[in-house]
Amino acid sequence: MPKKQELLPKILETGANELEIVDFRMYEELEDGSIYEWALGVNVAKVKEVIFTPENVAKTPKSPPEVVGIARIRDKNVPLLSLARWMKIKPAMDEKYTIVMEFLREIVGITIHEAKRIRRLKWNEIKKPPESMNNKLGGKIVGVIEIENGQLLLLLDFEGILDELGMIRVMSVSSINKKKLGIKEDEHFKILIVDDSSVARRIMRKILTEDGHTVYEATNGIEALELLHDWLKNAKEEGKDLSDFVQLIISDIEMPGMDGLTFTKKVKGNPELAKIPVIINTSLSDQANVSKSKFVGADAHLVKFDAPDLIKLVHKYALRRNDASS
C-alpha cells in the first residue's frame, strides 16, 4: 500500500509555495478614444465561481456607489461590486461577467469585463507593484506578475477594497464572554502575526491587543523566518529561551515570497523553532486547506476573522511561561 503522502498532490504534500490565479480583464476607454487593457488577478482559492452578471439586481439604499445592488446567487443574497466604478475608469463595455468570491466570511460578486484563464505560478514570482501604478488604484495592488509580451498582471487586494467600502464586519473582543469560553483574564502572550494584507494585520492586531497581548508583524514567510532567527540568536546570546520572545505564531496561507504552508513547514522542520505553536489563519474555509494546514504541521486552523474562536485558540495553544501574565 502506498504511503499516505504519495496519495497527496504536490502542493498539499510539501507546501510547494505555489498558487493558481484567475486572470481577468478590465477595458478602459481613454480620452483619445483608445482602449487600455487592465490585466488583473485573484487567487483561485478565493473564487467560488465565475458567472454571467445577473440581470435581476435589487438596488440597495445607503450602499457605496461602487455597489450596484444585491443579486440572488445560489440561494444567497450577494452584493455586487462594480470593479469599473471602484477603479474610477470609463468602461469600454458592459461588465458581462461576475466573479463570486469569499473573503473574511463574506460572499461578494465582483463584476468584470472578461475572464481569461487560470494561471499557475510560484509565490516568489510575484513582485512589488510600481508605486505610480499602485497609487492609481489606491494602494490596493498586492503584487505584479510579468506575463506575455511584458504586460504586467496586477493582483488586487480585495480584502482592502471591501474594508475601504465598509463591507467587513468583525466582532469586538469586549463582547466576548471569556468566562464562558474558559479563558483566564490574566493570560497575556507575545504573538507574531504573518500576513501580507495590511487590513488583515490591522484587524488581527486590534483583536489581540484588546485581549492584552503583545503583537509583532511580518508580511510574509521570509520576513517571519528572519525575525524568528533573530529572536533565536538573541535568546542564545542572552541565555534565554525562544519562548521569552514569542509564544505563538498566527500565519496567513496566501502570501507572496513565501506562503504560509511553506513557512509553517520550515518552522516545524526546524528543531529550534518547532516548539512555537502555529495557527493557520485564512479566509479560505474549505476542508482542503484545513488538511493542508495539518499536513505541514500547523497546530490549529482558523477562518478569518472569528474573534471568539481566535481568542479561544490563542489561549489554548500559546506557550505558557512562568511570567506569561506579564
C-alpha atoms as a PDB file:
ATOM      1  CA  MET A   1       0.000   0.000   0.000  1.00  0.00           C
ATOM      2  CA  PRO A   2       1.445   3.436  -0.905  1.00  0.00           C
ATOM      3  CA  LYS A   3       2.335   5.802   1.883  1.00  0.00           C
ATOM      4  CA  LYS A   4      -0.222   8.486   2.717  1.00  0.00           C
ATOM      5  CA  GLN A   5       1.941  11.296   1.349  1.00  0.00           C
ATOM      6  CA  GLU A   6       2.124   9.571  -2.043  1.00  0.00           C
ATOM      7  CA  LEU A   7      -1.637   9.946  -2.372  1.00  0.00           C
ATOM      8  CA  LEU A   8      -1.466  13.695  -1.923  1.00  0.00           C
ATOM      9  CA  PRO A   9      -0.973  16.357  -4.596  1.00  0.00           C
ATOM     10  CA  LYS A  10       2.432  18.027  -4.501  1.00  0.00           C
ATOM     11  CA  ILE A  11       1.131  21.336  -3.168  1.00  0.00           C
ATOM     12  CA  LEU A  12      -0.507  19.503  -0.251  1.00  0.00           C
ATOM     13  CA  GLU A  13       2.372  17.103   0.324  1.00  0.00           C
ATOM     14  CA  THR A  14       5.188  19.631   0.551  1.00  0.00           C
ATOM     15  CA  GLY A  15       3.885  23.162   0.757  1.00  0.00           C
ATOM     16  CA  ALA A  16       5.051  23.890  -2.774  1.00  0.00           C
ATOM     17  CA  ASN A  17       4.855  27.691  -2.418  1.00  0.00           C
ATOM     18  CA  GLU A  18       2.575  27.782  -5.472  1.00  0.00           C
ATOM     19  CA  LEU A  19      -0.822  29.212  -6.255  1.00  0.00           C
ATOM     20  CA  GLU A  20      -3.329  29.473  -9.062  1.00  0.00           C
ATOM     21  CA  ILE A  21      -4.919  32.758 -10.059  1.00  0.00           C
ATOM     22  CA  VAL A  22      -7.891  33.767 -12.154  1.00  0.00           C
ATOM     23  CA  ASP A  23      -6.602  36.083 -14.891  1.00  0.00           C
ATOM     24  CA  PHE A  24      -9.338  38.581 -15.813  1.00  0.00           C
ATOM     25  CA  ARG A  25      -9.526  41.851 -17.722  1.00  0.00           C
ATOM     26  CA  MET A  26     -10.999  45.320 -17.496  1.00  0.00           C
ATOM     27  CA  TYR A  27     -11.112  47.590 -20.551  1.00  0.00           C
ATOM     28  CA  GLU A  28     -10.844  51.357 -20.066  1.00  0.00           C
ATOM     29  CA  GLU A  29     -11.773  53.904 -22.721  1.00  0.00           C
ATOM     30  CA  LEU A  30      -9.150  56.630 -22.669  1.00  0.00           C
ATOM     31  CA  GLU A  31      -9.655  60.304 -23.561  1.00  0.00           C
ATOM     32  CA  ASP A  32      -8.252  59.801 -27.063  1.00  0.00           C
ATOM     33  CA  GLY A  33     -10.773  57.030 -27.733  1.00  0.00           C
ATOM     34  CA  SER A  34      -8.244  54.205 -27.469  1.00  0.00           C
ATOM     35  CA  ILE A  35      -8.803  51.196 -25.224  1.00  0.00           C
ATOM     36  CA  TYR A  36      -6.465  50.284 -22.349  1.00  0.00           C
ATOM     37  CA  GLU A  37      -6.490  46.657 -21.228  1.00  0.00           C
ATOM     38  CA  TRP A  38      -6.028  46.076 -17.491  1.00  0.00           C
ATOM     39  CA  ALA A  39      -4.714  42.563 -16.714  1.00  0.00           C
ATOM     40  CA  LEU A  40      -5.834  41.662 -13.193  1.00  0.00           C
ATOM     41  CA  GLY A  41      -5.841  38.595 -10.997  1.00  0.00           C
ATOM     42  CA  VAL A  42      -7.162  36.972  -7.826  1.00  0.00           C
ATOM     43  CA  ASN A  43      -6.244  33.753  -6.046  1.00  0.00           C
ATOM     44  CA  VAL A  44      -8.350  30.843  -7.341  1.00  0.00           C
ATOM     45  CA  ALA A  45      -8.802  29.649  -3.768  1.00  0.00           C
ATOM     46  CA  LYS A  46     -10.876  32.754  -3.014  1.00  0.00           C
ATOM     47  CA  VAL A  47     -13.138  32.232  -6.050  1.00  0.00           C
ATOM     48  CA  LYS A  48     -16.353  30.260  -5.741  1.00  0.00           C
ATOM     49  CA  GLU A  49     -17.422  30.596  -9.391  1.00  0.00           C
ATOM     50  CA  VAL A  50     -17.453  32.872 -12.449  1.00  0.00           C
ATOM     51  CA  ILE A  51     -20.916  33.551 -13.871  1.00  0.00           C
ATOM     52  CA  PHE A  52     -22.694  35.874 -16.256  1.00  0.00           C
ATOM     53  CA  THR A  53     -23.609  39.028 -14.369  1.00  0.00           C
ATOM     54  CA  PRO A  54     -27.161  38.572 -13.040  1.00  0.00           C
ATOM     55  CA  GLU A  55     -29.828  40.627 -14.747  1.00  0.00           C
ATOM     56  CA  ASN A  56     -32.109  40.987 -11.741  1.00  0.00           C
ATOM     57  CA  VAL A  57     -30.235  43.163  -9.283  1.00  0.00           C
ATOM     58  CA  ALA A  58     -32.038  44.827  -6.386  1.00  0.00           C
ATOM     59  CA  LYS A  59     -30.887  48.343  -5.625  1.00  0.00           C
ATOM     60  CA  THR A  60     -29.860  48.909  -2.016  1.00  0.00           C
ATOM     61  CA  PRO A  61     -30.206  52.261  -0.233  1.00  0.00           C
ATOM     62  CA  LYS A  62     -27.230  53.792   1.568  1.00  0.00           C
ATOM     63  CA  SER A  63     -24.764  51.490  -0.187  1.00  0.00           C
ATOM     64  CA  PRO A  64     -21.446  52.813  -1.524  1.00  0.00           C
ATOM     65  CA  PRO A  65     -21.750  53.934  -5.166  1.00  0.00           C
ATOM     66  CA  GLU A  66     -19.416  51.086  -6.139  1.00  0.00           C
ATOM     67  CA  VAL A  67     -22.073  48.559  -5.067  1.00  0.00           C
ATOM     68  CA  VAL A  68     -24.587  48.152  -7.875  1.00  0.00           C
ATOM     69  CA  GLY A  69     -27.038  46.172  -5.740  1.00  0.00           C
ATOM     70  CA  ILE A  70     -27.913  42.733  -4.386  1.00  0.00           C
ATOM     71  CA  ALA A  71     -28.326  39.647  -6.574  1.00  0.00           C
ATOM     72  CA  ARG A  72     -29.707  36.231  -5.676  1.00  0.00           C
ATOM     73  CA  ILE A  73     -26.920  33.709  -6.361  1.00  0.00           C
ATOM     74  CA  ARG A  74     -27.143  30.064  -5.230  1.00  0.00           C
ATOM     75  CA  ASP A  75     -29.931  30.944  -2.784  1.00  0.00           C
ATOM     76  CA  LYS A  76     -27.841  33.688  -1.181  1.00  0.00           C
ATOM     77  CA  ASN A  77     -28.211  37.456  -1.329  1.00  0.00           C
ATOM     78  CA  VAL A  78     -24.853  38.609  -2.697  1.00  0.00           C
ATOM     79  CA  PRO A  79     -23.737  42.254  -3.004  1.00  0.00           C
ATOM     80  CA  LEU A  80     -22.365  43.086  -6.451  1.00  0.00           C
ATOM     81  CA  LEU A  81     -19.376  45.413  -6.591  1.00  0.00           C
ATOM     82  CA  SER A  82     -18.634  47.105  -9.932  1.00  0.00           C
ATOM     83  CA  LEU A  83     -14.887  46.934 -10.394  1.00  0.00           C
ATOM     84  CA  ALA A  84     -15.054  49.637 -13.075  1.00  0.00           C
ATOM     85  CA  ARG A  85     -16.720  52.018 -10.613  1.00  0.00           C
ATOM     86  CA  TRP A  86     -14.183  51.221  -7.911  1.00  0.00           C
ATOM     87  CA  MET A  87     -11.292  51.726 -10.346  1.00  0.00           C
ATOM     88  CA  LYS A  88     -12.884  55.014 -11.452  1.00  0.00           C
ATOM     89  CA  ILE A  89     -12.416  54.170 -15.106  1.00  0.00           C
ATOM     90  CA  LYS A  90     -14.660  54.794 -18.099  1.00  0.00           C
ATOM     91  CA  PRO A  91     -15.636  51.251 -19.097  1.00  0.00           C
ATOM     92  CA  ALA A  92     -15.296  50.378 -22.765  1.00  0.00           C
ATOM     93  CA  MET A  93     -18.031  47.732 -22.476  1.00  0.00           C
ATOM     94  CA  ASP A  94     -20.551  46.238 -20.073  1.00  0.00           C
ATOM     95  CA  GLU A  95     -19.300  44.200 -17.122  1.00  0.00           C
ATOM     96  CA  LYS A  96     -20.615  40.969 -18.581  1.00  0.00           C
ATOM     97  CA  TYR A  97     -19.137  38.580 -16.018  1.00  0.00           C
ATOM     98  CA  THR A  98     -19.167  38.311 -12.237  1.00  0.00           C
ATOM     99  CA  ILE A  99     -16.511  36.624 -10.122  1.00  0.00           C
ATOM    100  CA  VAL A 100     -18.194  35.312  -6.979  1.00  0.00           C
ATOM    101  CA  MET A 101     -15.646  35.347  -4.153  1.00  0.00           C
ATOM    102  CA  GLU A 102     -15.462  34.606  -0.452  1.00  0.00           C
ATOM    103  CA  PHE A 103     -13.479  36.973   1.747  1.00  0.00           C
ATOM    104  CA  LEU A 104     -13.433  37.081   5.531  1.00  0.00           C
ATOM    105  CA  ARG A 105     -16.670  35.051   5.778  1.00  0.00           C
ATOM    106  CA  GLU A 106     -18.381  37.387   3.304  1.00  0.00           C
ATOM    107  CA  ILE A 107     -19.642  36.376  -0.163  1.00  0.00           C
ATOM    108  CA  VAL A 108     -19.345  39.153  -2.741  1.00  0.00           C
ATOM    109  CA  GLY A 109     -19.671  39.380  -6.517  1.00  0.00           C
ATOM    110  CA  ILE A 110     -17.147  41.447  -8.473  1.00  0.00           C
ATOM    111  CA  THR A 111     -18.426  42.467 -11.905  1.00  0.00           C
ATOM    112  CA  ILE A 112     -15.736  42.417 -14.606  1.00  0.00           C
ATOM    113  CA  HIS A 113     -15.399  42.674 -18.393  1.00  0.00           C
ATOM    114  CA  GLU A 114     -13.731  39.363 -19.244  1.00  0.00           C
ATOM    115  CA  ALA A 115     -12.403  36.224 -17.535  1.00  0.00           C
ATOM    116  CA  LYS A 116      -9.370  34.936 -19.446  1.00  0.00           C
ATOM    117  CA  ARG A 117      -7.739  31.860 -17.891  1.00  0.00           C
ATOM    118  CA  ILE A 118      -6.256  30.147 -14.854  1.00  0.00           C
ATOM    119  CA  ARG A 119      -2.539  30.703 -14.280  1.00  0.00           C
ATOM    120  CA  ARG A 120      -0.330  28.579 -12.037  1.00  0.00           C
ATOM    121  CA  LEU A 121       2.747  30.266 -10.584  1.00  0.00           C
ATOM    122  CA  LYS A 122       5.057  30.387  -7.608  1.00  0.00           C
ATOM    123  CA  TRP A 123       4.615  32.968  -4.881  1.00  0.00           C
ATOM    124  CA  ASN A 124       8.182  34.200  -5.410  1.00  0.00           C
ATOM    125  CA  GLU A 125       7.268  35.206  -8.985  1.00  0.00           C
ATOM    126  CA  ILE A 126       5.053  37.945  -7.544  1.00  0.00           C
ATOM    127  CA  LYS A 127       6.885  41.275  -7.343  1.00  0.00           C
ATOM    128  CA  LYS A 128       6.106  44.580  -5.682  1.00  0.00           C
ATOM    129  CA  PRO A 129       3.996  46.898  -7.866  1.00  0.00           C
ATOM    130  CA  PRO A 130       5.375  50.142  -9.309  1.00  0.00           C
ATOM    131  CA  GLU A 131       4.476  52.921  -6.892  1.00  0.00           C
ATOM    132  CA  SER A 132       2.761  55.057  -9.546  1.00  0.00           C
ATOM    133  CA  MET A 133       0.553  52.154 -10.609  1.00  0.00           C
ATOM    134  CA  ASN A 134      -0.266  51.209  -7.012  1.00  0.00           C
ATOM    135  CA  ASN A 135      -1.186  54.795  -6.191  1.00  0.00           C
ATOM    136  CA  LYS A 136      -3.564  54.905  -9.177  1.00  0.00           C
ATOM    137  CA  LEU A 137      -5.517  52.040  -7.610  1.00  0.00           C
ATOM    138  CA  GLY A 138      -5.473  53.400  -4.084  1.00  0.00           C
ATOM    139  CA  GLY A 139      -2.631  51.221  -2.826  1.00  0.00           C
ATOM    140  CA  LYS A 140      -4.721  48.087  -3.370  1.00  0.00           C
ATOM    141  CA  ILE A 141      -2.249  46.133  -5.516  1.00  0.00           C
ATOM    142  CA  VAL A 142      -0.595  43.341  -3.526  1.00  0.00           C
ATOM    143  CA  GLY A 143       1.783  42.313  -6.285  1.00  0.00           C
ATOM    144  CA  VAL A 144       2.502  42.175 -10.016  1.00  0.00           C
ATOM    145  CA  ILE A 145       3.402  39.331 -12.368  1.00  0.00           C
ATOM    146  CA  GLU A 146       5.010  39.762 -15.763  1.00  0.00           C
ATOM    147  CA  ILE A 147       3.045  37.820 -18.378  1.00  0.00           C
ATOM    148  CA  GLU A 148       3.114  37.631 -22.178  1.00  0.00           C
ATOM    149  CA  ASN A 149       4.672  40.494 -24.162  1.00  0.00           C
ATOM    150  CA  GLY A 150       5.983  42.109 -20.982  1.00  0.00           C
ATOM    151  CA  GLN A 151       2.470  43.009 -19.773  1.00  0.00           C
ATOM    152  CA  LEU A 152       2.013  43.328 -16.019  1.00  0.00           C
ATOM    153  CA  LEU A 153      -0.823  41.445 -14.344  1.00  0.00           C
ATOM    154  CA  LEU A 154      -1.931  43.093 -11.099  1.00  0.00           C
ATOM    155  CA  LEU A 155      -3.078  41.096  -8.081  1.00  0.00           C
ATOM    156  CA  LEU A 156      -5.685  43.177  -6.283  1.00  0.00           C
ATOM    157  CA  ASP A 157      -6.168  43.407  -2.515  1.00  0.00           C
ATOM    158  CA  PHE A 158      -9.893  42.676  -2.424  1.00  0.00           C
ATOM    159  CA  GLU A 159      -9.860  42.480   1.371  1.00  0.00           C
ATOM    160  CA  GLY A 160      -8.574  46.043   1.380  1.00  0.00           C
ATOM    161  CA  ILE A 161     -11.196  47.107  -1.146  1.00  0.00           C
ATOM    162  CA  LEU A 162     -14.033  45.633   0.931  1.00  0.00           C
ATOM    163  CA  ASP A 163     -12.647  47.216   4.091  1.00  0.00           C
ATOM    164  CA  GLU A 164     -12.398  50.581   2.334  1.00  0.00           C
ATOM    165  CA  LEU A 165     -16.091  50.315   1.426  1.00  0.00           C
ATOM    166  CA  GLY A 166     -17.112  49.332   4.976  1.00  0.00           C
ATOM    167  CA  MET A 167     -18.132  45.806   3.943  1.00  0.00           C
ATOM    168  CA  ILE A 168     -16.078  43.890   6.553  1.00  0.00           C
ATOM    169  CA  ARG A 169     -17.637  43.167   9.942  1.00  0.00           C
ATOM    170  CA  VAL A 170     -15.595  41.968  12.921  1.00  0.00           C
ATOM    171  CA  MET A 171     -16.862  41.228  16.427  1.00  0.00           C
ATOM    172  CA  SER A 172     -15.354  43.304  19.237  1.00  0.00           C
ATOM    173  CA  VAL A 173     -13.378  41.496  21.938  1.00  0.00           C
ATOM    174  CA  SER A 174     -15.370  43.363  24.580  1.00  0.00           C
ATOM    175  CA  SER A 175     -18.484  41.430  23.547  1.00  0.00           C
ATOM    176  CA  ILE A 176     -16.819  38.043  24.085  1.00  0.00           C
ATOM    177  CA  ASN A 177     -17.719  36.100  27.235  1.00  0.00           C
ATOM    178  CA  LYS A 178     -14.267  34.811  28.194  1.00  0.00           C
ATOM    179  CA  LYS A 179     -15.543  33.009  31.258  1.00  0.00           C
ATOM    180  CA  LYS A 180     -17.932  31.015  29.093  1.00  0.00           C
ATOM    181  CA  LEU A 181     -15.009  30.118  26.811  1.00  0.00           C
ATOM    182  CA  GLY A 182     -12.905  29.037  29.790  1.00  0.00           C
ATOM    183  CA  ILE A 183     -10.309  31.788  29.264  1.00  0.00           C
ATOM    184  CA  LYS A 184      -8.257  33.271  32.101  1.00  0.00           C
ATOM    185  CA  GLU A 185      -8.329  37.058  32.147  1.00  0.00           C
ATOM    186  CA  ASP A 186      -4.702  37.468  33.265  1.00  0.00           C
ATOM    187  CA  GLU A 187      -3.041  35.488  30.446  1.00  0.00           C
ATOM    188  CA  HIS A 188      -1.100  37.672  28.034  1.00  0.00           C
ATOM    189  CA  PHE A 189       1.239  36.445  25.304  1.00  0.00           C
ATOM    190  CA  LYS A 190       3.769  37.622  22.734  1.00  0.00           C
ATOM    191  CA  ILE A 191       2.336  36.786  19.315  1.00  0.00           C
ATOM    192  CA  LEU A 192       3.759  37.008  15.797  1.00  0.00           C
ATOM    193  CA  ILE A 193       1.190  37.547  13.046  1.00  0.00           C
ATOM    194  CA  VAL A 194       2.239  36.840   9.457  1.00  0.00           C
ATOM    195  CA  ASP A 195       0.018  38.267   6.719  1.00  0.00           C
ATOM    196  CA  ASP A 196       0.613  40.281   3.553  1.00  0.00           C
ATOM    197  CA  SER A 197      -2.702  42.137   3.924  1.00  0.00           C
ATOM    198  CA  SER A 198      -2.421  45.370   5.913  1.00  0.00           C
ATOM    199  CA  VAL A 199      -6.177  45.121   6.543  1.00  0.00           C
ATOM    200  CA  ALA A 200      -5.855  41.618   7.964  1.00  0.00           C
ATOM    201  CA  ARG A 201      -2.926  42.665  10.164  1.00  0.00           C
ATOM    202  CA  ARG A 202      -4.823  45.680  11.455  1.00  0.00           C
ATOM    203  CA  ILE A 203      -7.874  43.603  12.343  1.00  0.00           C
ATOM    204  CA  MET A 204      -5.751  40.903  13.986  1.00  0.00           C
ATOM    205  CA  ARG A 205      -3.709  43.473  15.895  1.00  0.00           C
ATOM    206  CA  LYS A 206      -6.868  45.147  17.193  1.00  0.00           C
ATOM    207  CA  ILE A 207      -8.394  41.867  18.395  1.00  0.00           C
ATOM    208  CA  LEU A 208      -5.190  40.643  20.044  1.00  0.00           C
ATOM    209  CA  THR A 209      -4.149  43.914  21.695  1.00  0.00           C
ATOM    210  CA  GLU A 210      -7.664  44.365  23.066  1.00  0.00           C
ATOM    211  CA  ASP A 211      -7.160  40.961  24.673  1.00  0.00           C
ATOM    212  CA  GLY A 212      -3.937  42.197  26.267  1.00  0.00           C
ATOM    213  CA  HIS A 213      -1.316  40.594  24.054  1.00  0.00           C
ATOM    214  CA  THR A 214       1.898  41.998  22.561  1.00  0.00           C
ATOM    215  CA  VAL A 215       1.840  41.739  18.754  1.00  0.00           C
ATOM    216  CA  TYR A 216       4.701  41.550  16.249  1.00  0.00           C
ATOM    217  CA  GLU A 217       4.113  41.607  12.496  1.00  0.00           C
ATOM    218  CA  ALA A 218       5.639  40.182   9.305  1.00  0.00           C
ATOM    219  CA  THR A 219       4.245  40.471   5.783  1.00  0.00           C
ATOM    220  CA  ASN A 220       5.302  37.020   4.525  1.00  0.00           C
ATOM    221  CA  GLY A 221       7.078  33.806   5.474  1.00  0.00           C
ATOM    222  CA  ILE A 222      10.516  35.117   4.539  1.00  0.00           C
ATOM    223  CA  GLU A 223      10.249  38.108   6.891  1.00  0.00           C
ATOM    224  CA  ALA A 224       8.794  35.914   9.640  1.00  0.00           C
ATOM    225  CA  LEU A 225      11.641  33.380   9.433  1.00  0.00           C
ATOM    226  CA  GLU A 226      14.209  36.176   9.585  1.00  0.00           C
ATOM    227  CA  LEU A 227      12.510  37.558  12.699  1.00  0.00           C
ATOM    228  CA  LEU A 228      12.387  34.115  14.341  1.00  0.00           C
ATOM    229  CA  HIS A 229      16.090  33.514  13.654  1.00  0.00           C
ATOM    230  CA  ASP A 230      16.929  36.960  15.076  1.00  0.00           C
ATOM    231  CA  TRP A 231      14.996  36.085  18.242  1.00  0.00           C
ATOM    232  CA  LEU A 232      16.715  32.710  18.413  1.00  0.00           C
ATOM    233  CA  LYS A 233      20.130  34.363  18.132  1.00  0.00           C
ATOM    234  CA  ASN A 234      19.243  36.895  20.847  1.00  0.00           C
ATOM    235  CA  ALA A 235      17.922  34.129  23.086  1.00  0.00           C
ATOM    236  CA  LYS A 236      21.223  32.238  22.848  1.00  0.00           C
ATOM    237  CA  GLU A 237      23.300  35.366  23.461  1.00  0.00           C
ATOM    238  CA  GLU A 238      21.209  36.362  26.490  1.00  0.00           C
ATOM    239  CA  GLY A 239      20.852  32.866  27.915  1.00  0.00           C
ATOM    240  CA  LYS A 240      17.105  32.886  27.395  1.00  0.00           C
ATOM    241  CA  ASP A 241      14.572  30.630  25.675  1.00  0.00           C
ATOM    242  CA  LEU A 242      12.936  31.445  22.347  1.00  0.00           C
ATOM    243  CA  SER A 243       9.587  31.449  24.152  1.00  0.00           C
ATOM    244  CA  ASP A 244      10.779  34.521  26.070  1.00  0.00           C
ATOM    245  CA  PHE A 245      10.459  36.391  22.752  1.00  0.00           C
ATOM    246  CA  VAL A 246       7.415  34.739  21.141  1.00  0.00           C
ATOM    247  CA  GLN A 247       4.839  32.234  22.385  1.00  0.00           C
ATOM    248  CA  LEU A 248       2.591  31.865  19.335  1.00  0.00           C
ATOM    249  CA  ILE A 249       2.599  32.389  15.568  1.00  0.00           C
ATOM    250  CA  ILE A 250      -0.561  33.142  13.570  1.00  0.00           C
ATOM    251  CA  SER A 251       0.019  32.905   9.814  1.00  0.00           C
ATOM    252  CA  ASP A 252      -1.996  33.503   6.679  1.00  0.00           C
ATOM    253  CA  ILE A 253      -1.698  30.971   3.825  1.00  0.00           C
ATOM    254  CA  GLU A 254      -1.707  33.185   0.724  1.00  0.00           C
ATOM    255  CA  MET A 255       1.373  35.439   0.778  1.00  0.00           C
ATOM    256  CA  PRO A 256       3.923  36.456  -1.875  1.00  0.00           C
ATOM    257  CA  GLY A 257       7.554  35.472  -1.411  1.00  0.00           C
ATOM    258  CA  MET A 258       6.786  32.518   0.852  1.00  0.00           C
ATOM    259  CA  ASP A 259       3.282  31.285   1.568  1.00  0.00           C
ATOM    260  CA  GLY A 260       2.056  30.217   4.995  1.00  0.00           C
ATOM    261  CA  LEU A 261       2.148  26.484   4.281  1.00  0.00           C
ATOM    262  CA  THR A 262       5.803  26.596   3.232  1.00  0.00           C
ATOM    263  CA  PHE A 263       6.605  28.859   6.197  1.00  0.00           C
ATOM    264  CA  THR A 264       4.868  26.519   8.652  1.00  0.00           C
ATOM    265  CA  LYS A 265       6.655  23.509   7.179  1.00  0.00           C
ATOM    266  CA  LYS A 266      10.025  25.244   7.657  1.00  0.00           C
ATOM    267  CA  VAL A 267       9.197  26.239  11.243  1.00  0.00           C
ATOM    268  CA  LYS A 268       8.034  22.759  12.206  1.00  0.00           C
ATOM    269  CA  GLY A 269      11.009  21.193  10.410  1.00  0.00           C
ATOM    270  CA  ASN A 270      13.496  23.199  12.490  1.00  0.00           C
ATOM    271  CA  PRO A 271      14.050  21.623  15.953  1.00  0.00           C
ATOM    272  CA  GLU A 272      14.892  25.018  17.460  1.00  0.00           C
ATOM    273  CA  LEU A 273      11.691  26.655  16.166  1.00  0.00           C
ATOM    274  CA  ALA A 274       9.253  23.749  16.136  1.00  0.00           C
ATOM    275  CA  LYS A 275       8.039  24.165  19.704  1.00  0.00           C
ATOM    276  CA  ILE A 276       6.414  27.518  18.887  1.00  0.00           C
ATOM    277  CA  PRO A 277       2.736  26.766  18.084  1.00  0.00           C
ATOM    278  CA  VAL A 278       1.460  27.876  14.669  1.00  0.00           C
ATOM    279  CA  ILE A 279      -2.169  28.709  13.916  1.00  0.00           C
ATOM    280  CA  ILE A 280      -3.046  28.974  10.235  1.00  0.00           C
ATOM    281  CA  ASN A 281      -5.441  31.909   9.841  1.00  0.00           C
ATOM    282  CA  THR A 282      -7.028  32.171   6.402  1.00  0.00           C
ATOM    283  CA  SER A 283     -10.074  33.473   4.583  1.00  0.00           C
ATOM    284  CA  LEU A 284     -10.356  30.055   2.909  1.00  0.00           C
ATOM    285  CA  SER A 285     -12.774  27.807   4.797  1.00  0.00           C
ATOM    286  CA  ASP A 286     -12.730  24.663   2.636  1.00  0.00           C
ATOM    287  CA  GLN A 287     -11.663  21.296   4.049  1.00  0.00           C
ATOM    288  CA  ALA A 288      -8.719  21.062   1.629  1.00  0.00           C
ATOM    289  CA  ASN A 289      -6.986  23.974   3.333  1.00  0.00           C
ATOM    290  CA  VAL A 290      -7.654  22.504   6.776  1.00  0.00           C
ATOM    291  CA  SER A 291      -5.982  19.294   5.567  1.00  0.00           C
ATOM    292  CA  LYS A 292      -3.045  21.211   4.119  1.00  0.00           C
ATOM    293  CA  SER A 293      -2.561  23.061   7.413  1.00  0.00           C
ATOM    294  CA  LYS A 294      -2.475  19.797   9.360  1.00  0.00           C
ATOM    295  CA  PHE A 295      -0.160  18.148   6.861  1.00  0.00           C
ATOM    296  CA  VAL A 296       2.566  20.805   7.200  1.00  0.00           C
ATOM    297  CA  GLY A 297       2.379  20.602  10.999  1.00  0.00           C
ATOM    298  CA  ALA A 298       0.179  23.557  11.972  1.00  0.00           C
ATOM    299  CA  ASP A 299      -1.278  23.255  15.458  1.00  0.00           C
ATOM    300  CA  ALA A 300      -4.676  24.709  14.506  1.00  0.00           C
ATOM    301  CA  HIS A 301      -6.637  26.279  11.634  1.00  0.00           C
ATOM    302  CA  LEU A 302      -8.845  29.366  11.910  1.00  0.00           C
ATOM    303  CA  VAL A 303     -11.083  31.081   9.362  1.00  0.00           C
ATOM    304  CA  LYS A 304     -10.734  34.896   9.407  1.00  0.00           C
ATOM    305  CA  PHE A 305     -11.916  36.738  11.432  1.00  0.00           C
ATOM    306  CA  ASP A 306     -13.897  34.921  14.055  1.00  0.00           C
ATOM    307  CA  ALA A 307     -12.862  36.843  17.162  1.00  0.00           C
ATOM    308  CA  PRO A 308     -14.194  34.346  19.761  1.00  0.00           C
ATOM    309  CA  ASP A 309     -12.530  31.399  18.001  1.00  0.00           C
ATOM    310  CA  LEU A 310      -9.288  33.382  17.629  1.00  0.00           C
ATOM    311  CA  ILE A 311      -9.148  34.330  21.309  1.00  0.00           C
ATOM    312  CA  LYS A 312     -10.031  30.787  22.353  1.00  0.00           C
ATOM    313  CA  LEU A 313      -7.272  29.282  20.170  1.00  0.00           C
ATOM    314  CA  VAL A 314      -4.702  31.830  21.374  1.00  0.00           C
ATOM    315  CA  HIS A 315      -5.284  30.865  24.999  1.00  0.00           C
ATOM    316  CA  LYS A 316      -5.366  27.168  24.118  1.00  0.00           C
ATOM    317  CA  TYR A 317      -2.130  26.973  22.107  1.00  0.00           C
ATOM    318  CA  ALA A 318       0.182  29.800  23.211  1.00  0.00           C
ATOM    319  CA  LEU A 319       3.176  28.586  25.209  1.00  0.00           C
ATOM    320  CA  ARG A 320       2.822  29.349  28.872  1.00  0.00           C
ATOM    321  CA  ARG A 321       5.837  30.564  30.827  1.00  0.00           C
ATOM    322  CA  ASN A 322       6.324  31.441  34.466  1.00  0.00           C
ATOM    323  CA  ASP A 323       5.804  35.109  33.589  1.00  0.00           C
ATOM    324  CA  ALA A 324       3.124  34.521  30.931  1.00  0.00           C
ATOM    325  CA  SER A 325       0.813  37.034  32.556  1.00  0.00           C
ATOM    326  CA  SER A 326       3.393  39.826  32.478  1.00  0.00           C
END
